């Protein structure tokens, strides 16, 4: 079954985040929004920011999250993948990784 895709604004897509609590979604949206603003001001042809998340270790207190990031800038696809125990660290690291890749 396909995960629901949440769309924020016109060019941000979140896949696999539907199980998060409302407080976690607020933090997630702030992190993603900050990077989306960076990308849109830094790169004139910024088209899409897509984050996908899946739990790869579902045991309570030992969850691991795999976060995939896709940024499309002027038709060029830039991707990153990070696996981390803390969801917010994983999201931040994946976005930072793709930002560094674009800056090269």
C-alpha atoms as a PDB file:
ATOM      1  CA  UNK A   1       0.000   0.000   0.000  1.00  0.00           C
ATOM      2  CA  UNK A   2       1.329   3.433  -0.947  1.00  0.00           C
ATOM      3  CA  UNK A   3       2.008   5.889   1.895  1.00  0.00           C
ATOM      4  CA  UNK A   4       0.012   9.069   1.889  1.00  0.00           C
ATOM      5  CA  UNK A   5       1.816  12.089   0.536  1.00  0.00           C
ATOM      6  CA  UNK A   6       1.343  15.360   2.377  1.00  0.00           C
ATOM      7  CA  UNK A   7       1.998  18.490   0.328  1.00  0.00           C
ATOM      8  CA  UNK A   8       3.202  21.680   1.998  1.00  0.00           C
ATOM      9  CA  UNK A   9       3.068  24.737  -0.198  1.00  0.00           C
ATOM     10  CA  UNK A  10       3.534  23.971  -3.853  1.00  0.00           C
ATOM     11  CA  UNK A  11       6.909  22.282  -3.876  1.00  0.00           C
ATOM     12  CA  UNK A  12       7.301  20.286  -0.627  1.00  0.00           C
ATOM     13  CA  UNK A  13       6.166  16.675  -0.328  1.00  0.00           C
ATOM     14  CA  UNK A  14       6.288  14.487   2.784  1.00  0.00           C
ATOM     15  CA  UNK A  15       5.838  10.731   2.385  1.00  0.00           C
ATOM     16  CA  UNK A  16       5.527   8.287   5.284  1.00  0.00           C
ATOM     17  CA  UNK A  17       5.048  10.844   8.053  1.00  0.00           C
ATOM     18  CA  UNK A  18       1.323  10.258   8.647  1.00  0.00           C
ATOM     19  CA  UNK A  19       1.913   8.318  11.898  1.00  0.00           C
ATOM     20  CA  UNK A  20       3.679  11.208  13.649  1.00  0.00           C
ATOM     21  CA  UNK A  21       2.074  12.956  16.589  1.00  0.00           C
ATOM     22  CA  UNK A  22       0.905  16.563  16.021  1.00  0.00           C
ATOM     23  CA  UNK A  23       3.779  17.995  18.110  1.00  0.00           C
ATOM     24  CA  UNK A  24       6.309  16.038  16.044  1.00  0.00           C
ATOM     25  CA  UNK A  25       4.706  17.301  12.812  1.00  0.00           C
ATOM     26  CA  UNK A  26       5.143  20.898  13.973  1.00  0.00           C
ATOM     27  CA  UNK A  27       8.880  20.364  14.523  1.00  0.00           C
ATOM     28  CA  UNK A  28       9.164  18.502  11.220  1.00  0.00           C
ATOM     29  CA  UNK A  29       7.438  21.311   9.307  1.00  0.00           C
ATOM     30  CA  UNK A  30       9.725  23.921  10.881  1.00  0.00           C
ATOM     31  CA  UNK A  31      12.883  22.014   9.930  1.00  0.00           C
ATOM     32  CA  UNK A  32      11.659  21.328   6.393  1.00  0.00           C
ATOM     33  CA  UNK A  33      10.359  24.893   5.963  1.00  0.00           C
ATOM     34  CA  UNK A  34      13.713  26.347   6.965  1.00  0.00           C
ATOM     35  CA  UNK A  35      15.545  24.277   4.365  1.00  0.00           C
ATOM     36  CA  UNK A  36      12.898  24.942   1.709  1.00  0.00           C
ATOM     37  CA  UNK A  37      13.363  28.694   2.200  1.00  0.00           C
ATOM     38  CA  UNK A  38      17.150  28.268   1.944  1.00  0.00           C
ATOM     39  CA  UNK A  39      16.798  26.278  -1.267  1.00  0.00           C
ATOM     40  CA  UNK A  40      14.328  28.690  -2.860  1.00  0.00           C
ATOM     41  CA  UNK A  41      16.485  31.756  -2.123  1.00  0.00           C
ATOM     42  CA  UNK A  42      19.820  30.101  -2.890  1.00  0.00           C
ATOM     43  CA  UNK A  43      18.788  28.288  -6.074  1.00  0.00           C
ATOM     44  CA  UNK A  44      16.733  30.274  -8.567  1.00  0.00           C
ATOM     45  CA  UNK A  45      15.285  27.196 -10.300  1.00  0.00           C
ATOM     46  CA  UNK A  46      14.276  25.250  -7.155  1.00  0.00           C
ATOM     47  CA  UNK A  47      11.409  22.928  -8.125  1.00  0.00           C
ATOM     48  CA  UNK A  48      10.788  20.244  -5.492  1.00  0.00           C
ATOM     49  CA  UNK A  49      11.759  19.093  -2.009  1.00  0.00           C
ATOM     50  CA  UNK A  50      10.555  15.582  -1.181  1.00  0.00           C
ATOM     51  CA  UNK A  51      11.189  13.724   2.083  1.00  0.00           C
ATOM     52  CA  UNK A  52      10.350  10.058   2.554  1.00  0.00           C
ATOM     53  CA  UNK A  53      10.619   8.285   5.898  1.00  0.00           C
ATOM     54  CA  UNK A  54      10.280   4.709   6.991  1.00  0.00           C
ATOM     55  CA  UNK A  55      10.916   2.983  10.300  1.00  0.00           C
ATOM     56  CA  UNK A  56      13.407   0.182   9.895  1.00  0.00           C
ATOM     57  CA  UNK A  57      13.466  -0.797  13.560  1.00  0.00           C
ATOM     58  CA  UNK A  58      10.015  -0.613  15.113  1.00  0.00           C
ATOM     59  CA  UNK A  59      10.805  -1.693  18.669  1.00  0.00           C
ATOM     60  CA  UNK A  60       9.822   0.857  21.283  1.00  0.00           C
ATOM     61  CA  UNK A  61      12.785   2.968  22.488  1.00  0.00           C
ATOM     62  CA  UNK A  62      15.086   1.571  19.802  1.00  0.00           C
ATOM     63  CA  UNK A  63      13.453   2.859  16.623  1.00  0.00           C
ATOM     64  CA  UNK A  64      15.601   3.630  13.626  1.00  0.00           C
ATOM     65  CA  UNK A  65      14.415   5.918  10.874  1.00  0.00           C
ATOM     66  CA  UNK A  66      15.544   5.934   7.268  1.00  0.00           C
ATOM     67  CA  UNK A  67      15.043   9.317   5.608  1.00  0.00           C
ATOM     68  CA  UNK A  68      15.349   9.820   1.846  1.00  0.00           C
ATOM     69  CA  UNK A  69      15.596  13.340   0.490  1.00  0.00           C
ATOM     70  CA  UNK A  70      15.078  14.476  -3.091  1.00  0.00           C
ATOM     71  CA  UNK A  71      15.663  18.048  -4.203  1.00  0.00           C
ATOM     72  CA  UNK A  72      15.058  19.007  -7.828  1.00  0.00           C
ATOM     73  CA  UNK A  73      16.830  22.183  -8.921  1.00  0.00           C
ATOM     74  CA  UNK A  74      16.666  23.229 -12.569  1.00  0.00           C
ATOM     75  CA  UNK A  75      15.823  19.660 -13.573  1.00  0.00           C
ATOM     76  CA  UNK A  76      18.779  18.200 -11.668  1.00  0.00           C
ATOM     77  CA  UNK A  77      17.888  15.586  -9.067  1.00  0.00           C
ATOM     78  CA  UNK A  78      19.936  15.615  -5.858  1.00  0.00           C
ATOM     79  CA  UNK A  79      19.353  12.846  -3.331  1.00  0.00           C
ATOM     80  CA  UNK A  80      20.523  11.737   0.087  1.00  0.00           C
ATOM     81  CA  UNK A  81      19.732   8.951   2.522  1.00  0.00           C
ATOM     82  CA  UNK A  82      20.354   8.950   6.265  1.00  0.00           C
ATOM     83  CA  UNK A  83      19.558   6.313   8.901  1.00  0.00           C
ATOM     84  CA  UNK A  84      19.419   7.515  12.488  1.00  0.00           C
ATOM     85  CA  UNK A  85      17.740   6.708  15.808  1.00  0.00           C
ATOM     86  CA  UNK A  86      16.474  10.268  16.270  1.00  0.00           C
ATOM     87  CA  UNK A  87      13.997  11.242  13.545  1.00  0.00           C
ATOM     88  CA  UNK A  88      14.770  14.959  13.690  1.00  0.00           C
ATOM     89  CA  UNK A  89      18.538  14.384  13.524  1.00  0.00           C
ATOM     90  CA  UNK A  90      17.954  12.134  10.504  1.00  0.00           C
ATOM     91  CA  UNK A  91      15.839  14.756   8.728  1.00  0.00           C
ATOM     92  CA  UNK A  92      18.319  17.537   9.442  1.00  0.00           C
ATOM     93  CA  UNK A  93      21.295  15.396   8.372  1.00  0.00           C
ATOM     94  CA  UNK A  94      19.588  14.303   5.137  1.00  0.00           C
ATOM     95  CA  UNK A  95      18.681  17.891   4.223  1.00  0.00           C
ATOM     96  CA  UNK A  96      22.171  19.159   5.109  1.00  0.00           C
ATOM     97  CA  UNK A  97      23.718  16.378   3.016  1.00  0.00           C
ATOM     98  CA  UNK A  98      21.658  17.253  -0.071  1.00  0.00           C
ATOM     99  CA  UNK A  99      22.343  20.974   0.475  1.00  0.00           C
ATOM    100  CA  UNK A 100      26.093  20.281   0.462  1.00  0.00           C
ATOM    101  CA  UNK A 101      25.726  18.163  -2.678  1.00  0.00           C
ATOM    102  CA  UNK A 102      23.923  20.978  -4.510  1.00  0.00           C
ATOM    103  CA  UNK A 103      26.520  23.544  -3.393  1.00  0.00           C
ATOM    104  CA  UNK A 104      29.377  21.611  -5.034  1.00  0.00           C
END
